[in-house]
């Protein structure tokens, strides 16, 4: 289970919807999504991420791209339905200073993620400015450019051996969604149940993988009891 002690990186993040410095400061942007100094650039006043015009912005959601993050906390299958899951994403975004509308990559028995979420024609990036997918088609083609392991604060859970290390199978996310955004049961009674697996369950993905397992566990167990706590993926709209 995820360690409740959170390690936050010191990065100023502000945000809106769907682009010389001391030795400890990252250089200016060289290209969009520049990965200098752990994914950060420096705009003369604060750390930020590179937009597509090679400007260093302290707000990743103002780069013109769509921001995606993994929630830093976990939730049971009782989230108050899809609306409750979206509210969790919105609250986590706000807590990190991210503006705009965020929704969970989550389906239920009535509505799929593909029907709920914006099909972006611009890139999806994480809160470090790293490319996740070039657009909706790339997002849903079976593999990501990199796994969604960075949370709303900028902390990368891929660096945590307890998550993407030896016990990678524990790194789960509620999705109930196939790679193309379609619904895939079970849904924890449309995300209103926290019952044990013998009674009710939900479909999960695994956030350490860039393959289709990021949303649809495939060859590994894809169900968890609704009493279990796992993360959510949140997408800017």
Protein backbone atom coordinates (compact mmCIF):
# COMPACT_ATOMS: atom_id res chain seq x y z
CA UNK A 1 0.00 0.00 0.00
CA UNK A 2 1.14 3.49 -0.70
CA UNK A 3 3.16 5.14 2.01
CA UNK A 4 1.08 7.90 3.58
CA UNK A 5 4.13 10.09 4.05
CA UNK A 6 4.28 12.17 0.89
CA UNK A 7 7.50 13.56 -0.51
CA UNK A 8 6.80 16.83 -2.31
CA UNK A 9 9.15 18.49 -4.76
CA UNK A 10 9.68 22.21 -4.45
CA UNK A 11 8.13 23.49 -7.65
CA UNK A 12 5.80 26.44 -8.18
CA UNK A 13 2.76 25.22 -10.14
CA UNK A 14 -0.17 27.47 -11.03
CA UNK A 15 -2.55 26.35 -14.14
CA UNK A 16 -5.84 26.88 -17.07
CA UNK A 17 -7.30 24.54 -19.66
CA UNK A 18 -6.67 22.57 -22.86
CA UNK A 19 1.19 24.97 -23.64
CA UNK A 20 20.81 32.27 -15.22
CA UNK A 21 20.61 31.41 -12.72
CA UNK A 22 22.12 29.69 -9.70
CA UNK A 23 23.71 26.29 -9.94
CA UNK A 24 20.58 24.70 -8.46
CA UNK A 25 18.33 26.27 -11.10
CA UNK A 26 17.43 24.53 -14.34
CA UNK A 27 18.41 26.11 -17.69
CA UNK A 28 16.00 27.83 -20.06
CA UNK A 29 13.93 25.69 -22.43
CA UNK A 30 15.70 24.10 -25.35
CA UNK A 31 12.66 22.31 -26.75
CA UNK A 32 9.03 21.67 -25.73
CA UNK A 33 8.79 19.27 -22.84
CA UNK A 34 12.47 19.84 -22.04
CA UNK A 35 13.60 17.30 -19.47
CA UNK A 36 16.53 19.32 -18.16
CA UNK A 37 17.06 19.12 -14.41
CA UNK A 38 14.43 16.47 -13.64
CA UNK A 39 11.89 17.81 -16.13
CA UNK A 40 12.05 21.47 -15.08
CA UNK A 41 13.19 24.71 -16.67
CA UNK A 42 13.77 28.14 -15.13
CA UNK A 43 12.06 31.33 -16.37
CA UNK A 44 14.24 33.79 -14.48
CA UNK A 45 12.07 33.78 -11.38
CA UNK A 46 10.79 30.25 -10.77
CA UNK A 47 10.98 26.67 -11.96
CA UNK A 48 8.45 25.60 -14.58
CA UNK A 49 7.83 23.45 -17.66
CA UNK A 50 8.44 24.21 -21.33
CA UNK A 51 5.58 25.10 -23.64
CA UNK A 52 5.48 24.51 -27.41
CA UNK A 53 6.82 28.04 -28.02
CA UNK A 54 9.93 27.24 -25.96
CA UNK A 55 8.78 29.46 -23.10
CA UNK A 56 9.34 28.33 -19.53
CA UNK A 57 6.03 28.49 -17.65
CA UNK A 58 5.44 27.97 -13.95
CA UNK A 59 1.95 26.70 -14.77
CA UNK A 60 1.88 23.45 -16.81
CA UNK A 61 -1.80 23.87 -17.63
CA UNK A 62 -1.13 27.14 -19.46
CA UNK A 63 1.26 25.55 -21.95
CA UNK A 64 -1.58 24.85 -24.39
CA UNK A 65 -1.34 21.12 -23.68
CA UNK A 66 -3.61 18.97 -21.50
CA UNK A 67 -2.24 18.10 -18.07
CA UNK A 68 -2.60 14.56 -16.71
CA UNK A 69 -1.71 13.39 -13.21
CA UNK A 70 -1.92 10.44 -10.85
CA UNK A 71 -3.62 11.31 -7.57
CA UNK A 72 -1.20 11.39 -4.65
CA UNK A 73 -3.78 9.74 -2.42
CA UNK A 74 -5.96 6.66 -2.76
CA UNK A 75 -9.69 5.98 -2.53
CA UNK A 76 -12.03 3.04 -2.07
CA UNK A 77 -14.60 2.16 -4.71
CA UNK A 78 -17.17 4.32 -2.94
CA UNK A 79 -16.39 7.73 -4.43
CA UNK A 80 -19.93 8.96 -4.89
CA UNK A 81 -20.14 7.86 -8.52
CA UNK A 82 -18.36 9.40 -11.48
CA UNK A 83 -19.24 12.89 -10.25
CA UNK A 84 -17.52 12.15 -6.96
CA UNK A 85 -14.40 10.86 -8.73
CA UNK A 86 -14.31 14.00 -10.86
CA UNK A 87 -14.63 16.11 -7.71
CA UNK A 88 -11.60 14.31 -6.24
CA UNK A 89 -9.58 15.17 -9.36
CA UNK A 90 -10.74 18.78 -9.25
CA UNK A 91 -9.85 19.09 -5.56
CA UNK A 92 -6.37 17.61 -6.06
CA UNK A 93 -5.75 19.95 -8.99
CA UNK A 94 -6.81 22.96 -6.95
CA UNK A 95 -4.65 21.88 -4.01
CA UNK A 96 -1.63 21.94 -6.33
CA UNK A 97 -2.56 25.33 -7.80
CA UNK A 98 -3.79 23.85 -11.09
CA UNK A 99 -6.67 25.70 -12.70
CA UNK A 100 -9.14 24.47 -15.31
CA UNK A 101 -11.46 21.47 -15.29
CA UNK A 102 -10.18 18.00 -14.43
CA UNK A 103 -12.03 14.69 -14.75
CA UNK A 104 -11.18 11.15 -13.76
CA UNK A 105 -10.24 8.55 -16.39
CA UNK A 106 -13.09 6.35 -15.21
CA UNK A 107 -16.16 4.60 -16.64
CA UNK A 108 -19.31 3.13 -15.15
CA UNK A 109 -22.14 0.96 -16.45
CA UNK A 110 -23.81 3.93 -18.16
CA UNK A 111 -20.99 6.16 -19.40
CA UNK A 112 -17.50 5.41 -20.71
CA UNK A 113 -14.39 7.52 -20.26
CA UNK A 114 -14.38 8.09 -24.03
CA UNK A 115 -17.85 9.63 -23.77
CA UNK A 116 -16.99 11.75 -20.73
CA UNK A 117 -13.58 13.15 -21.55
CA UNK A 118 -12.39 15.65 -24.14
CA UNK A 119 -10.64 14.04 -27.11
CA UNK A 120 -7.66 16.34 -27.20
CA UNK A 121 -5.97 17.28 -30.46
CA UNK A 122 -2.97 18.63 -28.50
CA UNK A 123 -0.45 16.71 -26.39
CA UNK A 124 -1.13 15.27 -22.97
CA UNK A 125 1.67 16.12 -20.52
CA UNK A 126 2.29 15.40 -16.84
CA UNK A 127 2.92 18.09 -14.24
CA UNK A 128 6.64 17.97 -15.05
CA UNK A 129 5.94 18.74 -18.71
CA UNK A 130 6.83 15.23 -19.86
CA UNK A 131 4.92 13.89 -22.86
CA UNK A 132 2.32 11.21 -22.10
CA UNK A 133 0.65 11.11 -25.54
CA UNK A 134 0.61 13.33 -28.62
CA UNK A 135 -3.20 13.51 -28.77
CA UNK A 136 -6.30 11.40 -28.06
CA UNK A 137 -5.49 8.93 -30.84
CA UNK A 138 -2.01 8.39 -29.40
CA UNK A 139 -3.45 8.10 -25.89
CA UNK A 140 -5.77 5.28 -26.97
CA UNK A 141 -3.56 3.36 -29.43
CA UNK A 142 -2.32 0.75 -26.95
CA UNK A 143 0.77 2.38 -25.47
CA UNK A 144 1.81 5.66 -23.85
CA UNK A 145 4.96 7.67 -24.47
CA UNK A 146 5.67 7.23 -20.75
CA UNK A 147 3.57 5.90 -17.85
CA UNK A 148 1.39 8.25 -15.81
CA UNK A 149 3.40 8.15 -12.59
CA UNK A 150 3.65 11.86 -11.70
CA UNK A 151 1.11 13.25 -9.24
CA UNK A 152 -0.46 16.71 -9.02
CA UNK A 153 2.47 18.04 -6.95
CA UNK A 154 5.11 16.91 -9.44
CA UNK A 155 6.31 13.93 -7.40
CA UNK A 156 7.15 10.92 -9.60
CA UNK A 157 6.04 7.64 -8.03
CA UNK A 158 8.16 5.76 -10.57
CA UNK A 159 11.14 6.73 -8.40
CA UNK A 160 9.62 5.01 -5.38
CA UNK A 161 10.79 1.38 -5.17
CA UNK A 162 7.71 0.51 -3.12
CA UNK A 163 5.51 1.28 -6.11
CA UNK A 164 7.24 0.80 -9.46
CA UNK A 165 9.96 -1.41 -8.02
CA UNK A 166 9.79 -4.99 -6.77
CA UNK A 167 6.10 -4.88 -5.86
CA UNK A 168 4.88 -3.18 -9.03
CA UNK A 169 1.58 -5.11 -8.98
CA UNK A 170 0.42 -2.98 -6.05
CA UNK A 171 0.55 0.21 -8.14
CA UNK A 172 -3.10 0.22 -9.16
CA UNK A 173 -5.61 2.78 -10.42
CA UNK A 174 -9.39 2.57 -10.64
CA UNK A 175 -10.26 2.75 -14.36
CA UNK A 176 -13.02 0.33 -15.49
CA UNK A 177 -11.85 1.39 -18.93
CA UNK A 178 -10.24 -0.34 -21.92
CA UNK A 179 -7.42 1.13 -23.96
CA UNK A 180 -9.83 2.84 -26.39
CA UNK A 181 -11.81 4.49 -23.58
CA UNK A 182 -14.71 2.01 -23.54
CA UNK A 183 -16.31 0.82 -20.32
CA UNK A 184 -15.08 -2.43 -18.78
CA UNK A 185 -16.79 -3.94 -15.72
CA UNK A 186 -16.84 -4.40 -12.81
CA UNK A 187 -17.65 -0.90 -11.53
CA UNK A 188 -18.01 -1.16 -7.73
CA UNK A 189 -21.75 -0.61 -8.14
CA UNK A 190 -21.06 2.45 -10.28
CA UNK A 191 -18.48 3.66 -7.75
CA UNK A 192 -20.77 3.70 -4.73
CA UNK A 193 -19.54 0.50 -3.03
CA UNK A 194 -16.72 -0.24 -0.61
CA UNK A 195 -17.56 -3.92 -0.21
CA UNK A 196 -14.95 -6.69 -0.06
CA UNK A 197 -13.97 -8.50 -3.25
CA UNK A 198 -16.21 -11.47 -2.42
CA UNK A 199 -19.19 -9.08 -2.73
CA UNK A 200 -18.18 -6.39 -5.21
CA UNK A 201 -15.12 -5.32 -7.21
CA UNK A 202 -13.77 -2.75 -9.63
CA UNK A 203 -11.56 -2.94 -12.72
CA UNK A 204 -8.06 -1.48 -12.34
CA UNK A 205 -5.08 -0.44 -14.41
CA UNK A 206 -1.45 -0.29 -13.28
CA UNK A 207 0.28 3.06 -13.37
CA UNK A 208 3.86 1.79 -13.69
CA UNK A 209 3.20 0.51 -17.21
CA UNK A 210 3.22 2.47 -20.50
CA UNK A 211 1.57 -0.51 -22.25
CA UNK A 212 -2.18 -1.11 -22.36
CA UNK A 213 -1.90 -2.28 -18.74
CA UNK A 214 -1.90 1.40 -17.70
CA UNK A 215 -5.71 1.25 -17.95
CA UNK A 216 -6.54 -2.42 -18.57
CA UNK A 217 -4.44 -4.78 -16.44
CA UNK A 218 -4.54 -7.49 -19.16
CA UNK A 219 -2.25 -10.38 -18.19
CA UNK A 220 -2.31 -9.59 -14.47
CA UNK A 221 -5.29 -9.47 -12.10
CA UNK A 222 -7.54 -6.63 -13.22
CA UNK A 223 -9.99 -6.61 -10.30
CA UNK A 224 -9.76 -5.28 -6.77
CA UNK A 225 -12.31 -5.42 -4.00
CA UNK A 226 -14.17 -2.15 -3.59
CA UNK A 227 -12.87 -1.91 -0.02
CA UNK A 228 -9.35 -1.54 -1.41
CA UNK A 229 -7.85 1.94 -1.81
CA UNK A 230 -6.23 2.86 -5.12
CA UNK A 231 -5.42 6.00 -7.11
CA UNK A 232 -7.15 7.82 -9.95
CA UNK A 233 -5.87 9.29 -13.22
CA UNK A 234 -6.99 12.90 -13.69
CA UNK A 235 -7.20 14.59 -17.10
CA UNK A 236 -7.50 18.27 -17.86
CA UNK A 237 -10.42 19.10 -20.16
